[in-house]
Protein backbone atom coordinates (compact mmCIF):
# COMPACT_ATOMS: atom_id res chain seq x y z
CA MET A 1 -0.30 0.10 0.06
CA SER A 2 2.76 2.47 0.73
CA ASN A 3 4.98 1.70 -2.22
CA GLY A 4 1.62 2.24 -4.71
CA ALA A 5 0.75 5.83 -2.65
CA SER A 6 4.25 6.67 -3.14
CA SER A 7 4.62 5.83 -6.62
CA GLN A 8 1.05 7.65 -7.11
CA ARG A 9 2.70 10.66 -5.56
CA ARG A 10 6.02 10.51 -8.07
CA SER A 11 3.78 9.98 -10.86
CA SER A 12 2.05 13.61 -10.02
CA TYR A 13 5.02 15.50 -9.55
CA PRO A 14 5.15 16.45 -13.32
CA TRP A 15 1.75 17.80 -13.20
CA THR A 16 2.66 19.65 -10.12
CA VAL A 17 5.99 21.10 -11.33
CA LEU A 18 3.66 21.91 -14.76
CA ALA A 19 1.06 24.09 -12.45
CA ILE A 20 3.57 25.89 -10.58
CA LEU A 21 5.23 26.86 -13.75
CA LEU A 22 2.00 27.80 -15.35
CA GLY A 23 1.14 29.47 -12.60
CA GLY A 24 4.29 31.20 -11.99
CA SER A 25 4.23 32.46 -15.60
CA PHE A 26 0.68 33.63 -15.24
CA MET A 27 2.04 35.79 -12.48
CA ARG A 28 4.54 37.44 -14.39
CA TRP A 29 2.88 37.94 -17.91
CA ALA A 30 -0.41 39.16 -16.26
CA ALA A 31 0.99 43.02 -15.96
CA LEU A 32 2.74 43.37 -18.88
CA GLY A 33 0.22 44.87 -20.89
CA PRO A 34 -0.04 48.02 -18.79
CA MET A 35 3.84 48.79 -18.61
CA SER A 36 3.95 47.90 -22.64
CA THR A 37 4.85 51.53 -23.18
CA MET A 38 6.87 52.68 -20.94
CA LEU A 39 10.43 52.35 -19.48
CA HIS A 40 12.41 53.29 -16.42
CA HIS A 41 15.79 55.69 -17.08
CA ASP A 42 17.99 52.57 -16.15
CA GLU A 43 16.02 50.51 -18.56
CA ALA A 44 15.93 52.77 -21.07
CA PHE A 45 19.40 52.83 -21.14
CA TYR A 46 19.44 48.73 -21.40
CA GLY A 47 17.25 48.93 -24.32
CA LEU A 48 19.75 52.00 -26.07
CA ASP A 49 22.75 49.82 -25.04
CA ALA A 50 20.92 46.71 -26.82
CA LEU A 51 19.69 48.55 -29.69
CA TRP A 52 23.85 49.73 -30.59
CA LEU A 53 24.99 45.82 -29.68
CA PHE A 54 22.27 44.93 -32.69
CA HIS A 55 23.34 47.12 -35.15
CA SER A 56 27.08 47.57 -34.21
CA ARG A 57 27.65 43.63 -33.97
CA GLN A 58 30.50 44.57 -30.89
CA ILE A 59 31.47 42.37 -28.27
CA THR A 60 32.23 43.66 -25.24
CA PRO A 61 32.39 42.21 -21.64
CA PHE A 62 31.28 45.89 -20.55
CA LEU A 63 29.29 48.60 -21.18
CA THR A 64 30.74 52.10 -20.19
CA GLU A 65 27.19 54.20 -20.48
CA ASN A 66 24.97 55.11 -17.02
CA PHE A 67 28.02 54.64 -14.83
CA GLY A 68 29.09 51.36 -16.75
CA ARG A 69 27.78 47.64 -16.65
CA GLU A 70 27.96 44.02 -17.22
CA SER A 71 26.87 43.74 -20.90
CA GLY A 72 25.48 40.26 -20.52
CA TRP A 73 21.87 40.94 -20.10
CA CYS A 74 21.91 43.86 -22.98
CA TYR A 75 23.55 40.49 -24.95
CA VAL A 76 19.92 38.81 -23.85
CA LEU A 77 18.18 42.07 -24.98
CA VAL A 78 19.29 41.75 -28.84
CA PRO A 79 17.37 39.09 -30.10
CA PHE A 80 14.21 40.42 -28.46
CA ILE A 81 14.86 43.77 -29.96
CA GLY A 82 15.27 42.16 -33.49
CA VAL A 83 11.94 40.29 -33.18
CA PHE A 84 9.33 42.78 -31.21
CA GLY A 85 11.45 45.97 -32.24
CA ALA A 86 12.99 48.85 -30.34
CA ARG A 87 9.95 48.87 -27.91
CA PRO A 88 9.40 48.74 -24.61
CA ILE A 89 7.32 45.80 -24.78
CA ALA A 90 10.54 43.92 -26.10
CA LEU A 91 12.06 44.42 -22.83
CA ARG A 92 9.60 43.51 -21.10
CA LEU A 93 9.24 39.89 -22.69
CA ALA A 94 13.19 39.31 -21.79
CA ALA A 95 12.62 40.00 -18.49
CA ALA A 96 9.49 37.98 -18.00
CA MET A 97 11.03 35.20 -20.03
CA ALA A 98 14.07 35.20 -17.82
CA SER A 99 12.15 35.30 -14.56
CA ILE A 100 9.89 32.17 -15.75
CA LEU A 101 13.51 30.28 -17.13
CA GLY A 102 14.52 31.26 -13.30
CA LEU A 103 11.27 29.23 -11.97
CA THR A 104 12.63 26.12 -14.26
CA PHE A 105 16.38 26.68 -12.74
CA LEU A 106 15.34 26.68 -9.24
CA TYR A 107 13.75 23.59 -9.39
CA ARG A 108 16.61 21.67 -11.07
CA LEU A 109 18.62 23.05 -8.10
CA GLY A 110 16.11 22.18 -5.85
CA ARG A 111 16.33 18.81 -7.15
CA GLU A 112 19.99 18.76 -6.70
CA LEU A 113 19.90 19.79 -3.01
CA LEU A 114 16.74 18.70 -1.60
CA GLY A 115 15.19 15.95 -4.05
CA ALA A 116 12.03 16.21 -6.00
CA ARG A 117 9.37 17.21 -3.05
CA GLY A 118 12.05 19.68 -1.84
CA ALA A 119 12.30 20.85 -5.36
CA ILE A 120 8.74 21.46 -6.13
CA TRP A 121 8.00 23.37 -2.78
CA THR A 122 11.12 25.58 -3.51
CA ALA A 123 9.68 26.58 -7.03
CA ALA A 124 6.26 27.23 -5.61
CA ALA A 125 7.96 29.33 -3.09
CA LEU A 126 9.57 31.49 -5.51
CA SER A 127 7.06 31.35 -8.16
CA VAL A 128 4.71 33.77 -5.55
CA LEU A 129 7.79 35.44 -3.98
CA TYR A 130 7.11 39.43 -4.33
CA LEU A 131 10.61 40.27 -5.12
CA HIS A 132 11.19 37.77 -7.93
CA VAL A 133 7.92 38.53 -9.48
CA HIS A 134 8.44 42.14 -9.33
CA LEU A 135 11.55 42.14 -11.14
CA SER A 136 10.08 39.90 -13.52
CA HIS A 137 8.64 42.89 -14.91
CA LEU A 138 11.43 45.46 -14.81
CA ALA A 139 13.85 44.84 -17.69
CA LEU A 140 17.02 44.98 -15.11
CA ARG A 141 20.02 42.86 -15.07
CA ALA A 142 19.58 42.44 -10.96
CA GLY A 143 16.86 40.12 -12.27
CA PHE A 144 18.66 38.27 -14.69
CA PHE A 145 21.76 37.18 -12.53
CA PRO A 146 19.67 34.64 -10.05
CA THR A 147 18.67 33.05 -13.39
CA VAL A 148 22.38 32.60 -14.48
CA GLY A 149 23.19 31.62 -11.03
CA MET A 150 20.34 28.71 -10.11
CA LEU A 151 21.41 27.42 -14.12
CA ALA A 152 24.91 27.76 -13.06
CA PHE A 153 24.94 26.00 -9.40
CA SER A 154 22.59 23.26 -10.75
CA THR A 155 24.74 21.88 -13.51
CA LEU A 156 27.86 22.19 -11.55
CA LEU A 157 25.94 19.86 -8.91
CA ARG A 158 24.23 17.61 -11.77
CA ALA A 159 28.36 17.36 -12.83
CA HIS A 160 29.35 16.32 -9.28
CA ARG A 161 26.55 13.60 -9.20
CA THR A 162 26.90 12.28 -12.91
CA ASN A 163 30.99 12.98 -13.18
CA ARG A 164 30.58 13.22 -16.89
CA LEU A 165 32.81 15.68 -18.65
CA THR A 166 30.30 17.67 -20.67
CA HIS A 167 28.48 18.50 -17.51
CA TRP A 168 31.62 19.56 -15.83
CA VAL A 169 32.04 21.77 -18.79
CA ALA A 170 28.68 23.05 -18.66
CA GLY A 171 28.88 23.56 -14.97
CA GLY A 172 32.23 25.78 -15.19
CA LEU A 173 30.76 27.95 -18.12
CA GLY A 174 27.97 28.85 -15.98
CA VAL A 175 29.92 29.80 -13.25
CA GLY A 176 32.10 31.94 -16.02
CA LEU A 177 29.15 33.78 -17.48
CA LEU A 178 28.24 34.91 -14.34
CA ALA A 179 30.62 37.38 -14.14
CA TYR A 180 28.75 38.87 -16.99
CA THR A 181 25.17 39.66 -15.27
CA TYR A 182 25.66 42.16 -12.34
CA PHE A 183 28.21 43.29 -9.95
CA SER A 184 26.88 41.31 -6.84
CA ALA A 185 27.34 37.78 -8.82
CA ASP A 186 30.84 38.34 -8.11
CA LEU A 187 30.39 36.09 -5.26
CA TRP A 188 28.61 33.44 -6.71
CA VAL A 189 31.77 33.45 -9.16
CA ALA A 190 33.76 33.38 -6.10
CA TYR A 191 31.90 30.80 -4.74
CA GLY A 192 31.92 28.66 -7.40
CA LEU A 193 35.43 28.57 -7.85
CA VAL A 194 36.43 28.02 -4.32
CA LEU A 195 33.73 24.83 -4.83
CA MET A 196 35.56 23.43 -7.57
CA ALA A 197 38.89 24.25 -6.06
CA GLY A 198 37.43 21.80 -2.64
CA TRP A 199 36.56 19.23 -5.12
CA LEU A 200 39.70 19.21 -7.01
CA VAL A 201 41.97 18.56 -3.85
CA LEU A 202 39.54 16.52 -1.63
CA ASP A 203 37.73 14.29 -4.18
CA ARG A 204 40.13 12.29 -6.13
CA ALA A 205 36.88 10.63 -8.17
CA ARG A 206 35.89 13.56 -9.46
CA ARG A 207 38.90 15.46 -9.38
CA ARG A 208 39.66 15.81 -13.27
CA GLY A 209 36.23 17.08 -14.02
CA ALA A 210 36.40 19.75 -11.33
CA GLY A 211 39.67 20.78 -12.90
CA VAL A 212 38.01 20.97 -16.05
CA ALA A 213 35.37 23.14 -14.68
CA PHE A 214 37.83 25.52 -12.84
CA LEU A 215 39.75 25.80 -15.91
CA VAL A 216 36.64 26.80 -17.84
CA ALA A 217 35.08 28.94 -15.95
CA VAL A 218 38.74 31.12 -15.22
CA PHE A 219 38.88 31.65 -18.77
CA THR A 220 35.13 32.15 -19.12
CA CYS A 221 35.82 35.06 -16.69
CA LEU A 222 39.05 35.82 -18.17
CA PRO A 223 37.96 38.84 -20.57
CA MET A 224 36.00 40.67 -17.98
CA VAL A 225 38.81 40.57 -15.93
CA LEU A 226 41.38 42.15 -18.38
CA TYR A 227 38.61 44.30 -19.36
CA LEU A 228 38.49 45.69 -16.03
CA SER A 229 42.05 45.37 -15.10
CA LEU A 230 42.95 47.70 -18.16
CA ILE A 231 40.18 50.38 -17.21
CA HIS A 232 41.69 50.51 -14.19
CA ILE A 233 45.50 50.74 -15.44
CA SER A 234 44.57 53.22 -17.93
């Protein structure tokens, strides 16, 4: 009887996850209409930078306008501007999509840390968390870097579990890409590097994969480090 009940609960997990994602998506899409013709000062700067990247085809880790900021979010905005045009709704759609993906990646992270049931409760809590819902309506990189962080660490923990080289490469890449999202994410990058260094030293079975992930993360961060170092020197 208990095995049957447990099996029934497991079979209901995908539908529960789907319901959470649909409910969270509704909360993030619902108010886009009234906000589709307005932009905050910082949002407008992101849009202008993305428009410049769209037309110039430039590759840069950092954008110097509006006191300077990492370029990752603006590159995310580029395809939305390409499809929907240089309009506020393009930026709003990008922010909402990033937030919805964040729910998915948090569920994956929860699966690695807490198991299926814990992941469901975690995703359900984030789906209605006011700050996350609020930021999903604003085209700011502050709402984007948690999504990248959840993807990076869920992939990194999966690599530790499976010990597959492709997963290690993806995990290191995710940690490295955090450097291009938001300055607060530098703490996440540092934590990821320390975590991989710990596995490299203490876990012999995963030493090769952790070393590969560490190198991938460092080389991915390198353009940002060099760029900021050159600015500081100049």
